[in-house]
Amino acid sequence: MTAYVVSIVAVKDADRYSEYAKLAPAAVQKFGGKFLARGGINAVLEGGLGCNRVVVAEFPSADQAKAFHRSVEYQTAREKRIGAADFTMMVVDAV
């Protein structure tokens, strides 16, 4: 079943975060994922998230999404991101 990886991001250091953003896409693609949304928030319609980016990637399954997250490729990218952004990532199953 299709699953989505949703990331809520508050970038604190744009230069360091850009290094992460250069590496992460290859890991997403390697595990069958594709980005559906990847950028700054256009408008907050209700509530407040305290973030300035939302990223949504679609994967063939939750298992593929989890494999992406555990991969050496993603963990290498993640190391570039740590300290550059407050970051929450979750896997959500499609209905």
C-alpha atoms as a PDB file:
ATOM      1  CA  MET A   1       0.000   0.000   0.000  1.00  0.00           C
ATOM      2  CA  THR A   2       1.260   3.486  -0.848  1.00  0.00           C
ATOM      3  CA  ALA A   3       2.720   5.477   2.024  1.00  0.00           C
ATOM      4  CA  TYR A   4       3.767   9.073   2.431  1.00  0.00           C
ATOM      5  CA  VAL A   5       6.728  10.485   4.296  1.00  0.00           C
ATOM      6  CA  VAL A   6       5.782  13.904   5.647  1.00  0.00           C
ATOM      7  CA  SER A   7       8.453  16.192   7.045  1.00  0.00           C
ATOM      8  CA  ILE A   8       7.752  19.367   8.988  1.00  0.00           C
ATOM      9  CA  VAL A   9      10.833  21.595   8.936  1.00  0.00           C
ATOM     10  CA  ALA A  10      11.949  24.811  10.610  1.00  0.00           C
ATOM     11  CA  VAL A  11      15.200  25.753   8.901  1.00  0.00           C
ATOM     12  CA  LYS A  12      17.631  27.560  11.216  1.00  0.00           C
ATOM     13  CA  ASP A  13      20.742  27.547   9.001  1.00  0.00           C
ATOM     14  CA  ALA A  14      19.891  27.709   5.299  1.00  0.00           C
ATOM     15  CA  ASP A  15      23.444  27.071   4.093  1.00  0.00           C
ATOM     16  CA  ARG A  16      23.851  23.886   6.129  1.00  0.00           C
ATOM     17  CA  TYR A  17      20.308  22.738   5.311  1.00  0.00           C
ATOM     18  CA  SER A  18      21.036  23.129   1.596  1.00  0.00           C
ATOM     19  CA  GLU A  19      23.723  20.422   1.916  1.00  0.00           C
ATOM     20  CA  TYR A  20      21.063  18.038   3.238  1.00  0.00           C
ATOM     21  CA  ALA A  21      18.653  19.072   0.477  1.00  0.00           C
ATOM     22  CA  LYS A  22      21.261  18.186  -2.166  1.00  0.00           C
ATOM     23  CA  LEU A  23      21.799  14.645  -0.807  1.00  0.00           C
ATOM     24  CA  ALA A  24      18.345  13.509   0.316  1.00  0.00           C
ATOM     25  CA  PRO A  25      16.684  13.212  -3.145  1.00  0.00           C
ATOM     26  CA  ALA A  26      18.999  10.405  -4.279  1.00  0.00           C
ATOM     27  CA  ALA A  27      18.036   8.359  -1.217  1.00  0.00           C
ATOM     28  CA  VAL A  28      14.324   8.989  -1.843  1.00  0.00           C
ATOM     29  CA  GLN A  29      14.641   7.848  -5.474  1.00  0.00           C
ATOM     30  CA  LYS A  30      16.704   4.783  -4.603  1.00  0.00           C
ATOM     31  CA  PHE A  31      13.811   3.429  -2.525  1.00  0.00           C
ATOM     32  CA  GLY A  32      11.102   4.137  -5.092  1.00  0.00           C
ATOM     33  CA  GLY A  33      10.015   7.452  -3.660  1.00  0.00           C
ATOM     34  CA  LYS A  34       9.068  10.652  -5.404  1.00  0.00           C
ATOM     35  CA  PHE A  35       8.486  14.125  -4.044  1.00  0.00           C
ATOM     36  CA  LEU A  36       4.947  15.470  -4.175  1.00  0.00           C
ATOM     37  CA  ALA A  37       5.706  18.689  -2.295  1.00  0.00           C
ATOM     38  CA  ARG A  38       9.065  20.096  -1.366  1.00  0.00           C
ATOM     39  CA  GLY A  39       9.289  23.695  -0.434  1.00  0.00           C
ATOM     40  CA  GLY A  40       8.278  26.671   1.564  1.00  0.00           C
ATOM     41  CA  ILE A  41       4.771  27.026   2.911  1.00  0.00           C
ATOM     42  CA  ASN A  42       2.552  28.986   0.547  1.00  0.00           C
ATOM     43  CA  ALA A  43      -0.034  29.855   3.203  1.00  0.00           C
ATOM     44  CA  VAL A  44      -1.128  28.554   6.602  1.00  0.00           C
ATOM     45  CA  LEU A  45      -4.894  28.190   6.434  1.00  0.00           C
ATOM     46  CA  GLU A  46      -5.521  27.185  10.058  1.00  0.00           C
ATOM     47  CA  GLY A  47      -3.448  26.873  13.206  1.00  0.00           C
ATOM     48  CA  GLY A  48       0.277  27.250  13.456  1.00  0.00           C
ATOM     49  CA  LEU A  49       3.076  24.790  12.905  1.00  0.00           C
ATOM     50  CA  GLY A  50       6.146  26.842  13.735  1.00  0.00           C
ATOM     51  CA  CYS A  51       7.863  25.691  10.562  1.00  0.00           C
ATOM     52  CA  ASN A  52       8.788  27.166   7.200  1.00  0.00           C
ATOM     53  CA  ARG A  53       8.983  24.037   5.011  1.00  0.00           C
ATOM     54  CA  VAL A  54       6.833  20.979   4.432  1.00  0.00           C
ATOM     55  CA  VAL A  55       8.070  18.028   2.395  1.00  0.00           C
ATOM     56  CA  VAL A  56       5.868  15.162   1.197  1.00  0.00           C
ATOM     57  CA  ALA A  57       7.309  12.119  -0.572  1.00  0.00           C
ATOM     58  CA  GLU A  58       5.317   9.153  -1.870  1.00  0.00           C
ATOM     59  CA  PHE A  59       6.701   5.612  -1.533  1.00  0.00           C
ATOM     60  CA  PRO A  60       5.335   2.284  -2.802  1.00  0.00           C
ATOM     61  CA  SER A  61       4.910   1.088   0.808  1.00  0.00           C
ATOM     62  CA  ALA A  62       5.615   1.998   4.419  1.00  0.00           C
ATOM     63  CA  ASP A  63       8.369  -0.642   4.396  1.00  0.00           C
ATOM     64  CA  GLN A  64      10.088   1.139   1.487  1.00  0.00           C
ATOM     65  CA  ALA A  65       9.746   4.468   3.300  1.00  0.00           C
ATOM     66  CA  LYS A  66      11.304   2.997   6.429  1.00  0.00           C
ATOM     67  CA  ALA A  67      14.098   1.407   4.388  1.00  0.00           C
ATOM     68  CA  PHE A  68      14.796   4.830   2.865  1.00  0.00           C
ATOM     69  CA  HIS A  69      15.079   6.350   6.331  1.00  0.00           C
ATOM     70  CA  ARG A  70      17.452   3.632   7.561  1.00  0.00           C
ATOM     71  CA  SER A  71      19.632   3.709   4.436  1.00  0.00           C
ATOM     72  CA  VAL A  72      23.263   4.764   4.475  1.00  0.00           C
ATOM     73  CA  GLU A  73      22.453   7.350   1.810  1.00  0.00           C
ATOM     74  CA  TYR A  74      19.765   9.025   3.886  1.00  0.00           C
ATOM     75  CA  GLN A  75      21.713   8.823   7.124  1.00  0.00           C
ATOM     76  CA  THR A  76      24.614  10.585   5.376  1.00  0.00           C
ATOM     77  CA  ALA A  77      22.239  13.369   4.299  1.00  0.00           C
ATOM     78  CA  ARG A  78      20.687  13.475   7.773  1.00  0.00           C
ATOM     79  CA  GLU A  79      24.063  14.171   9.357  1.00  0.00           C
ATOM     80  CA  LYS A  80      24.239  17.380   7.275  1.00  0.00           C
ATOM     81  CA  ARG A  81      20.802  18.434   8.533  1.00  0.00           C
ATOM     82  CA  ILE A  82      21.303  17.894  12.258  1.00  0.00           C
ATOM     83  CA  GLY A  83      21.593  21.284  13.913  1.00  0.00           C
ATOM     84  CA  ALA A  84      20.559  23.116  10.743  1.00  0.00           C
ATOM     85  CA  ALA A  85      16.822  22.610  11.240  1.00  0.00           C
ATOM     86  CA  ASP A  86      14.195  21.491  13.694  1.00  0.00           C
ATOM     87  CA  PHE A  87      12.746  18.478  11.925  1.00  0.00           C
ATOM     88  CA  THR A  88       9.860  16.048  12.342  1.00  0.00           C
ATOM     89  CA  MET A  89       9.418  13.159   9.896  1.00  0.00           C
ATOM     90  CA  MET A  90       6.582  10.630   9.843  1.00  0.00           C
ATOM     91  CA  VAL A  91       5.263   7.825   7.649  1.00  0.00           C
ATOM     92  CA  VAL A  92       1.544   7.897   6.870  1.00  0.00           C
ATOM     93  CA  ASP A  93      -0.296   5.091   5.067  1.00  0.00           C
ATOM     94  CA  ALA A  94      -2.552   6.066   2.170  1.00  0.00           C
ATOM     95  CA  VAL A  95      -6.232   5.230   2.437  1.00  0.00           C
END
